[in-house]
Amino acid sequence: MPLILSIPVCLMVCVIVSLLSLKVVVLPLLARGASSMNVSIVTIGISMLFEMVAMLLLGKDPLAVPAFSGDEPVTILGANFAPQHFWILGFTLLALLLTLVFFKGTQMGKAMTGLGDNEFLARVLGFPVSRLFTVSFVFSALVGGIAGIAYAPISYTGYWIGTRLTIKGFIAASVGGITNPVGAIVGGLLVGAFESFTAGFISSRIKDLLAFILLLVILRLRPQGLLGGRQ
């Protein structure tokens, strides 16, 4: 499938899967009084279910995805970068900009922030909670889909890739401040640099372990993350 066609198809599939999860599982559980933590755990189970379906459909072998702009490295100050890295940086900055504009500058974004802070109060004040959940799930599906599209060409992809990236994303957001989009970016850069130095000077086998150690240390010293505000 041509790249220009596969990208919108991928995003469409992400949105459909996200909305199915919302309508079939998340909203019914919330309506029955399930806590947000319990629903979050259920969504992890949903993710694992879809991964198993992907394994049955596509097999266990990793798949290669061609880069957007070829594989010829670009040298900057003596360091080599794959062209795909610049696509990743561009998509990241675009997603960050749209996130900040949406949540800080629109009524819908502010309402979603209020829903996240206190769902019960949002319902009492008459917020369209179901619609806010729908927008939230569509937004997150698009961001997650774009992340996968941009990242896949520099790494083999397969049915198992989602869980690894979700864990790394959670670590990055927690380190930087899970309530702050800019903090999530800073946390991602910090975790990435930490892993790269660990792999280069110690061993690539323990870089994931040290990323978790970094998370524990930062949360011990600053539970809200580096740029997160106190609740």
C-alpha atoms as a PDB file:
ATOM      1  CA  MET A   1       0.000   0.000   0.000  1.00  0.00           C
ATOM      2  CA  PRO A   2       1.448   3.450  -0.905  1.00  0.00           C
ATOM      3  CA  LEU A   3       2.569   5.557   2.034  1.00  0.00           C
ATOM      4  CA  ILE A   4       0.197   8.412   1.191  1.00  0.00           C
ATOM      5  CA  LEU A   5      -2.711   5.952   1.435  1.00  0.00           C
ATOM      6  CA  SER A   6      -1.482   3.830   4.334  1.00  0.00           C
ATOM      7  CA  ILE A   7      -1.184   6.785   6.750  1.00  0.00           C
ATOM      8  CA  PRO A   8      -4.874   7.842   6.675  1.00  0.00           C
ATOM      9  CA  VAL A   9      -5.943   4.179   6.700  1.00  0.00           C
ATOM     10  CA  CYS A  10      -3.781   3.578   9.784  1.00  0.00           C
ATOM     11  CA  LEU A  11      -5.228   6.613  11.582  1.00  0.00           C
ATOM     12  CA  MET A  12      -8.751   5.548  10.665  1.00  0.00           C
ATOM     13  CA  VAL A  13      -8.165   2.081  12.122  1.00  0.00           C
ATOM     14  CA  CYS A  14      -6.748   3.623  15.311  1.00  0.00           C
ATOM     15  CA  VAL A  15      -9.819   5.830  15.743  1.00  0.00           C
ATOM     16  CA  ILE A  16     -12.224   2.941  15.080  1.00  0.00           C
ATOM     17  CA  VAL A  17     -10.477   0.684  17.603  1.00  0.00           C
ATOM     18  CA  SER A  18     -10.404   3.505  20.152  1.00  0.00           C
ATOM     19  CA  LEU A  19     -14.105   4.305  19.788  1.00  0.00           C
ATOM     20  CA  LEU A  20     -15.051   0.624  19.953  1.00  0.00           C
ATOM     21  CA  SER A  21     -13.115   0.317  23.205  1.00  0.00           C
ATOM     22  CA  LEU A  22     -14.861   3.422  24.553  1.00  0.00           C
ATOM     23  CA  LYS A  23     -18.413   2.457  23.592  1.00  0.00           C
ATOM     24  CA  VAL A  24     -18.221  -1.271  24.339  1.00  0.00           C
ATOM     25  CA  VAL A  25     -16.063  -1.312  27.472  1.00  0.00           C
ATOM     26  CA  VAL A  26     -15.099   2.038  29.020  1.00  0.00           C
ATOM     27  CA  LEU A  27     -18.397   3.935  29.159  1.00  0.00           C
ATOM     28  CA  PRO A  28     -20.440   0.901  30.348  1.00  0.00           C
ATOM     29  CA  LEU A  29     -17.911   0.293  33.144  1.00  0.00           C
ATOM     30  CA  LEU A  30     -17.988   3.940  34.223  1.00  0.00           C
ATOM     31  CA  ALA A  31     -21.797   3.871  34.157  1.00  0.00           C
ATOM     32  CA  ARG A  32     -21.691   0.915  36.567  1.00  0.00           C
ATOM     33  CA  GLY A  33     -19.532   2.902  38.982  1.00  0.00           C
ATOM     34  CA  ALA A  34     -16.096   1.457  38.180  1.00  0.00           C
ATOM     35  CA  SER A  35     -13.188   3.631  39.297  1.00  0.00           C
ATOM     36  CA  SER A  36     -10.912   5.334  36.785  1.00  0.00           C
ATOM     37  CA  MET A  37      -8.012   3.142  37.940  1.00  0.00           C
ATOM     38  CA  ASN A  38      -9.976  -0.053  37.325  1.00  0.00           C
ATOM     39  CA  VAL A  39     -11.019   1.161  33.883  1.00  0.00           C
ATOM     40  CA  SER A  40      -7.393   2.001  33.079  1.00  0.00           C
ATOM     41  CA  ILE A  41      -6.379  -1.544  33.980  1.00  0.00           C
ATOM     42  CA  VAL A  42      -9.147  -2.903  31.756  1.00  0.00           C
ATOM     43  CA  THR A  43      -7.848  -0.846  28.821  1.00  0.00           C
ATOM     44  CA  ILE A  44      -4.472  -2.548  29.245  1.00  0.00           C
ATOM     45  CA  GLY A  45      -6.278  -5.864  28.882  1.00  0.00           C
ATOM     46  CA  ILE A  46      -8.001  -4.560  25.743  1.00  0.00           C
ATOM     47  CA  SER A  47      -4.601  -3.629  24.322  1.00  0.00           C
ATOM     48  CA  MET A  48      -3.280  -7.128  25.001  1.00  0.00           C
ATOM     49  CA  LEU A  49      -6.361  -8.606  23.333  1.00  0.00           C
ATOM     50  CA  PHE A  50      -5.794  -6.591  20.160  1.00  0.00           C
ATOM     51  CA  GLU A  51      -2.116  -7.560  20.204  1.00  0.00           C
ATOM     52  CA  MET A  52      -3.057 -11.237  20.267  1.00  0.00           C
ATOM     53  CA  VAL A  53      -5.452 -10.678  17.360  1.00  0.00           C
ATOM     54  CA  ALA A  54      -2.665  -8.919  15.444  1.00  0.00           C
ATOM     55  CA  MET A  55      -0.338 -11.849  16.158  1.00  0.00           C
ATOM     56  CA  LEU A  56      -2.885 -14.317  14.760  1.00  0.00           C
ATOM     57  CA  LEU A  57      -3.497 -12.204  11.658  1.00  0.00           C
ATOM     58  CA  LEU A  58       0.055 -11.029  10.899  1.00  0.00           C
ATOM     59  CA  GLY A  59       2.257 -13.652  12.569  1.00  0.00           C
ATOM     60  CA  LYS A  60       5.063 -13.311  15.090  1.00  0.00           C
ATOM     61  CA  ASP A  61       7.817 -12.212  12.708  1.00  0.00           C
ATOM     62  CA  PRO A  62       8.826  -8.534  12.866  1.00  0.00           C
ATOM     63  CA  LEU A  63       7.922  -6.405   9.869  1.00  0.00           C
ATOM     64  CA  ALA A  64       9.981  -3.668   8.212  1.00  0.00           C
ATOM     65  CA  VAL A  65       8.457  -0.337   7.221  1.00  0.00           C
ATOM     66  CA  PRO A  66      10.223   1.905   4.650  1.00  0.00           C
ATOM     67  CA  ALA A  67      11.401   5.341   5.772  1.00  0.00           C
ATOM     68  CA  PHE A  68       9.604   8.431   4.498  1.00  0.00           C
ATOM     69  CA  SER A  69      12.740  10.050   3.025  1.00  0.00           C
ATOM     70  CA  GLY A  70      15.164   7.185   2.445  1.00  0.00           C
ATOM     71  CA  ASP A  71      17.874   5.808   4.717  1.00  0.00           C
ATOM     72  CA  GLU A  72      20.866   7.980   3.808  1.00  0.00           C
ATOM     73  CA  PRO A  73      22.146   9.380   7.144  1.00  0.00           C
ATOM     74  CA  VAL A  74      22.444  13.125   7.758  1.00  0.00           C
ATOM     75  CA  THR A  75      25.560  14.301   9.637  1.00  0.00           C
ATOM     76  CA  ILE A  76      25.225  17.226  12.067  1.00  0.00           C
ATOM     77  CA  LEU A  77      28.196  18.227  14.256  1.00  0.00           C
ATOM     78  CA  GLY A  78      29.767  14.814  13.740  1.00  0.00           C
ATOM     79  CA  ALA A  79      26.651  12.859  14.705  1.00  0.00           C
ATOM     80  CA  ASN A  80      24.687  10.799  12.189  1.00  0.00           C
ATOM     81  CA  PHE A  81      20.912  10.994  12.082  1.00  0.00           C
ATOM     82  CA  ALA A  82      18.477   9.000  10.022  1.00  0.00           C
ATOM     83  CA  PRO A  83      16.139  11.255   8.007  1.00  0.00           C
ATOM     84  CA  GLN A  84      13.223   9.616   9.814  1.00  0.00           C
ATOM     85  CA  HIS A  85      14.432  11.205  13.065  1.00  0.00           C
ATOM     86  CA  PHE A  86      13.532  14.631  11.651  1.00  0.00           C
ATOM     87  CA  TRP A  87      10.057  13.381  10.749  1.00  0.00           C
ATOM     88  CA  ILE A  88       9.663  12.157  14.319  1.00  0.00           C
ATOM     89  CA  LEU A  89      10.808  15.517  15.682  1.00  0.00           C
ATOM     90  CA  GLY A  90       8.428  17.367  13.369  1.00  0.00           C
ATOM     91  CA  PHE A  91       5.445  15.196  14.262  1.00  0.00           C
ATOM     92  CA  THR A  92       6.289  15.544  17.966  1.00  0.00           C
ATOM     93  CA  LEU A  93       6.433  19.339  17.826  1.00  0.00           C
ATOM     94  CA  LEU A  94       3.220  19.471  15.795  1.00  0.00           C
ATOM     95  CA  ALA A  95       1.399  17.185  18.253  1.00  0.00           C
ATOM     96  CA  LEU A  96       2.691  19.230  21.190  1.00  0.00           C
ATOM     97  CA  LEU A  97       1.590  22.518  19.603  1.00  0.00           C
ATOM     98  CA  LEU A  98      -1.886  21.207  18.771  1.00  0.00           C
ATOM     99  CA  THR A  99      -2.235  19.744  22.279  1.00  0.00           C
ATOM    100  CA  LEU A 100      -1.330  23.025  23.975  1.00  0.00           C
ATOM    101  CA  VAL A 101      -3.606  25.064  21.692  1.00  0.00           C
ATOM    102  CA  PHE A 102      -6.489  22.635  22.168  1.00  0.00           C
ATOM    103  CA  PHE A 103      -6.328  22.281  25.947  1.00  0.00           C
ATOM    104  CA  LYS A 104      -5.364  25.882  26.749  1.00  0.00           C
ATOM    105  CA  GLY A 105      -7.229  27.803  24.064  1.00  0.00           C
ATOM    106  CA  THR A 106     -10.536  26.023  23.406  1.00  0.00           C
ATOM    107  CA  GLN A 107     -13.632  25.524  25.525  1.00  0.00           C
ATOM    108  CA  MET A 108     -13.698  21.830  24.652  1.00  0.00           C
ATOM    109  CA  GLY A 109     -10.100  21.404  25.798  1.00  0.00           C
ATOM    110  CA  LYS A 110     -10.739  23.229  29.064  1.00  0.00           C
ATOM    111  CA  ALA A 111     -13.843  21.114  29.647  1.00  0.00           C
ATOM    112  CA  MET A 112     -11.805  17.933  29.087  1.00  0.00           C
ATOM    113  CA  THR A 113      -9.253  19.183  31.628  1.00  0.00           C
ATOM    114  CA  GLY A 114     -12.058  19.704  34.124  1.00  0.00           C
ATOM    115  CA  LEU A 115     -13.402  16.233  33.407  1.00  0.00           C
ATOM    116  CA  GLY A 116      -9.981  14.763  34.104  1.00  0.00           C
ATOM    117  CA  ASP A 117      -9.666  16.670  37.376  1.00  0.00           C
ATOM    118  CA  ASN A 118     -13.088  15.766  38.766  1.00  0.00           C
ATOM    119  CA  GLU A 119     -15.508  13.641  36.755  1.00  0.00           C
ATOM    120  CA  PHE A 120     -18.309  13.855  39.346  1.00  0.00           C
ATOM    121  CA  LEU A 121     -18.186  17.648  39.472  1.00  0.00           C
ATOM    122  CA  ALA A 122     -18.110  17.811  35.674  1.00  0.00           C
ATOM    123  CA  ARG A 123     -21.306  15.758  35.519  1.00  0.00           C
ATOM    124  CA  VAL A 124     -22.984  17.923  38.172  1.00  0.00           C
ATOM    125  CA  LEU A 125     -22.118  21.087  36.226  1.00  0.00           C
ATOM    126  CA  GLY A 126     -23.756  19.645  33.127  1.00  0.00           C
ATOM    127  CA  PHE A 127     -20.678  18.927  31.041  1.00  0.00           C
ATOM    128  CA  PRO A 128     -21.400  16.673  28.009  1.00  0.00           C
ATOM    129  CA  VAL A 129     -19.325  13.884  29.542  1.00  0.00           C
ATOM    130  CA  SER A 130     -19.955  11.246  26.871  1.00  0.00           C
ATOM    131  CA  ARG A 131     -19.004  13.678  24.107  1.00  0.00           C
ATOM    132  CA  LEU A 132     -15.887  14.746  26.007  1.00  0.00           C
ATOM    133  CA  PHE A 133     -14.836  11.101  26.382  1.00  0.00           C
ATOM    134  CA  THR A 134     -15.388  10.562  22.658  1.00  0.00           C
ATOM    135  CA  VAL A 135     -13.244  13.571  21.703  1.00  0.00           C
ATOM    136  CA  SER A 136     -10.566  12.471  24.186  1.00  0.00           C
ATOM    137  CA  PHE A 137     -10.390   8.948  22.760  1.00  0.00           C
ATOM    138  CA  VAL A 138     -10.297  10.199  19.160  1.00  0.00           C
ATOM    139  CA  PHE A 139      -7.551  12.679  20.040  1.00  0.00           C
ATOM    140  CA  SER A 140      -5.450  10.063  21.823  1.00  0.00           C
ATOM    141  CA  ALA A 141      -5.962   7.572  18.987  1.00  0.00           C
ATOM    142  CA  LEU A 142      -4.699  10.093  16.438  1.00  0.00           C
ATOM    143  CA  VAL A 143      -1.652  11.001  18.546  1.00  0.00           C
ATOM    144  CA  GLY A 144      -0.855   7.339  19.179  1.00  0.00           C
ATOM    145  CA  GLY A 145      -1.344   6.488  15.504  1.00  0.00           C
ATOM    146  CA  ILE A 146       0.941   9.316  14.363  1.00  0.00           C
ATOM    147  CA  ALA A 147       3.567   8.181  16.883  1.00  0.00           C
ATOM    148  CA  GLY A 148       3.463   4.643  15.515  1.00  0.00           C
ATOM    149  CA  ILE A 149       3.597   5.841  11.900  1.00  0.00           C
ATOM    150  CA  ALA A 150       6.622   8.047  12.559  1.00  0.00           C
ATOM    151  CA  TYR A 151       8.495   5.513  14.698  1.00  0.00           C
ATOM    152  CA  ALA A 152       7.953   2.328  12.693  1.00  0.00           C
ATOM    153  CA  PRO A 153      10.519   3.052   9.927  1.00  0.00           C
ATOM    154  CA  ILE A 154      13.442   3.280  12.395  1.00  0.00           C
ATOM    155  CA  SER A 155      12.489   0.088  14.219  1.00  0.00           C
ATOM    156  CA  TYR A 156      11.057  -3.241  13.313  1.00  0.00           C
ATOM    157  CA  THR A 157       7.383  -3.371  14.098  1.00  0.00           C
ATOM    158  CA  GLY A 158       5.091  -6.198  15.092  1.00  0.00           C
ATOM    159  CA  TYR A 159       2.188  -7.205  17.272  1.00  0.00           C
ATOM    160  CA  TRP A 160       4.240  -6.623  20.436  1.00  0.00           C
ATOM    161  CA  ILE A 161       5.465  -3.089  19.775  1.00  0.00           C
ATOM    162  CA  GLY A 162       2.511  -1.283  21.338  1.00  0.00           C
ATOM    163  CA  THR A 163       3.100  -2.481  24.891  1.00  0.00           C
ATOM    164  CA  ARG A 164       6.788  -1.531  24.858  1.00  0.00           C
ATOM    165  CA  LEU A 165       6.090   1.958  23.555  1.00  0.00           C
ATOM    166  CA  THR A 166       3.216   2.437  26.008  1.00  0.00           C
ATOM    167  CA  ILE A 167       5.470   1.576  28.938  1.00  0.00           C
ATOM    168  CA  LYS A 168       8.214   3.899  27.677  1.00  0.00           C
ATOM    169  CA  GLY A 169       5.670   6.650  27.095  1.00  0.00           C
ATOM    170  CA  PHE A 170       4.298   6.266  30.613  1.00  0.00           C
ATOM    171  CA  ILE A 171       7.813   6.449  32.049  1.00  0.00           C
ATOM    172  CA  ALA A 172       8.588   9.584  30.021  1.00  0.00           C
ATOM    173  CA  ALA A 173       5.326  11.291  31.012  1.00  0.00           C
ATOM    174  CA  SER A 174       5.787  10.383  34.679  1.00  0.00           C
ATOM    175  CA  VAL A 175       9.376  11.639  34.736  1.00  0.00           C
ATOM    176  CA  GLY A 176       8.495  14.948  33.069  1.00  0.00           C
ATOM    177  CA  GLY A 177       5.109  15.468  34.727  1.00  0.00           C
ATOM    178  CA  ILE A 178       2.062  13.498  33.665  1.00  0.00           C
ATOM    179  CA  THR A 179      -0.215  16.572  33.799  1.00  0.00           C
ATOM    180  CA  ASN A 180       2.059  18.693  31.599  1.00  0.00           C
ATOM    181  CA  PRO A 181       2.433  18.035  27.825  1.00  0.00           C
ATOM    182  CA  VAL A 182       5.746  19.909  27.749  1.00  0.00           C
ATOM    183  CA  GLY A 183       6.908  17.841  30.719  1.00  0.00           C
ATOM    184  CA  ALA A 184       6.112  14.667  28.788  1.00  0.00           C
ATOM    185  CA  ILE A 185       8.391  15.844  25.948  1.00  0.00           C
ATOM    186  CA  VAL A 186      11.164  16.745  28.387  1.00  0.00           C
ATOM    187  CA  GLY A 187      10.740  13.399  30.118  1.00  0.00           C
ATOM    188  CA  GLY A 188      10.966  11.584  26.793  1.00  0.00           C
ATOM    189  CA  LEU A 189      14.176  13.375  25.846  1.00  0.00           C
ATOM    190  CA  LEU A 190      15.646  12.700  29.296  1.00  0.00           C
ATOM    191  CA  VAL A 191      14.768   9.001  29.230  1.00  0.00           C
ATOM    192  CA  GLY A 192      16.059   8.684  25.655  1.00  0.00           C
ATOM    193  CA  ALA A 193      19.367  10.362  26.504  1.00  0.00           C
ATOM    194  CA  PHE A 194      19.685   8.256  29.652  1.00  0.00           C
ATOM    195  CA  GLU A 195      19.136   5.035  27.688  1.00  0.00           C
ATOM    196  CA  SER A 196      21.539   6.074  24.918  1.00  0.00           C
ATOM    197  CA  PHE A 197      24.363   6.879  27.336  1.00  0.00           C
ATOM    198  CA  THR A 198      23.683   3.653  29.229  1.00  0.00           C
ATOM    199  CA  ALA A 199      23.820   1.597  26.027  1.00  0.00           C
ATOM    200  CA  GLY A 200      26.952   3.406  24.806  1.00  0.00           C
ATOM    201  CA  PHE A 201      29.031   3.423  28.006  1.00  0.00           C
ATOM    202  CA  ILE A 202      27.701   0.492  30.035  1.00  0.00           C
ATOM    203  CA  SER A 203      25.560  -2.087  28.226  1.00  0.00           C
ATOM    204  CA  SER A 204      22.502  -2.042  25.998  1.00  0.00           C
ATOM    205  CA  ARG A 205      21.146  -5.009  27.961  1.00  0.00           C
ATOM    206  CA  ILE A 206      20.374  -2.931  31.030  1.00  0.00           C
ATOM    207  CA  LYS A 207      19.152   0.333  29.454  1.00  0.00           C
ATOM    208  CA  ASP A 208      15.500  -0.556  30.059  1.00  0.00           C
ATOM    209  CA  LEU A 209      16.239  -1.452  33.673  1.00  0.00           C
ATOM    210  CA  LEU A 210      18.003   1.850  34.288  1.00  0.00           C
ATOM    211  CA  ALA A 211      15.080   3.730  32.730  1.00  0.00           C
ATOM    212  CA  PHE A 212      12.843   2.278  35.446  1.00  0.00           C
ATOM    213  CA  ILE A 213      15.442   3.170  38.075  1.00  0.00           C
ATOM    214  CA  LEU A 214      15.441   6.752  36.762  1.00  0.00           C
ATOM    215  CA  LEU A 215      11.652   6.799  37.097  1.00  0.00           C
ATOM    216  CA  LEU A 216      11.785   5.556  40.690  1.00  0.00           C
ATOM    217  CA  VAL A 217      14.461   8.075  41.683  1.00  0.00           C
ATOM    218  CA  ILE A 218      12.647  11.066  40.191  1.00  0.00           C
ATOM    219  CA  LEU A 219       9.270  10.051  41.623  1.00  0.00           C
ATOM    220  CA  ARG A 220      10.903   9.557  45.016  1.00  0.00           C
ATOM    221  CA  LEU A 221      12.399  13.058  44.932  1.00  0.00           C
ATOM    222  CA  ARG A 222       9.539  14.784  43.083  1.00  0.00           C
ATOM    223  CA  PRO A 223       6.338  12.675  42.894  1.00  0.00           C
ATOM    224  CA  GLN A 224       4.613  15.048  40.437  1.00  0.00           C
ATOM    225  CA  GLY A 225       7.485  14.796  37.947  1.00  0.00           C
ATOM    226  CA  LEU A 226      10.016  17.413  36.892  1.00  0.00           C
ATOM    227  CA  LEU A 227       7.520  19.889  35.409  1.00  0.00           C
ATOM    228  CA  GLY A 228       4.301  18.598  36.933  1.00  0.00           C
ATOM    229  CA  GLY A 229       2.271  20.834  39.223  1.00  0.00           C
ATOM    230  CA  ARG A 230       1.119  19.797  42.666  1.00  0.00           C
ATOM    231  CA  GLN A 231      -2.485  18.587  42.816  1.00  0.00           C
END
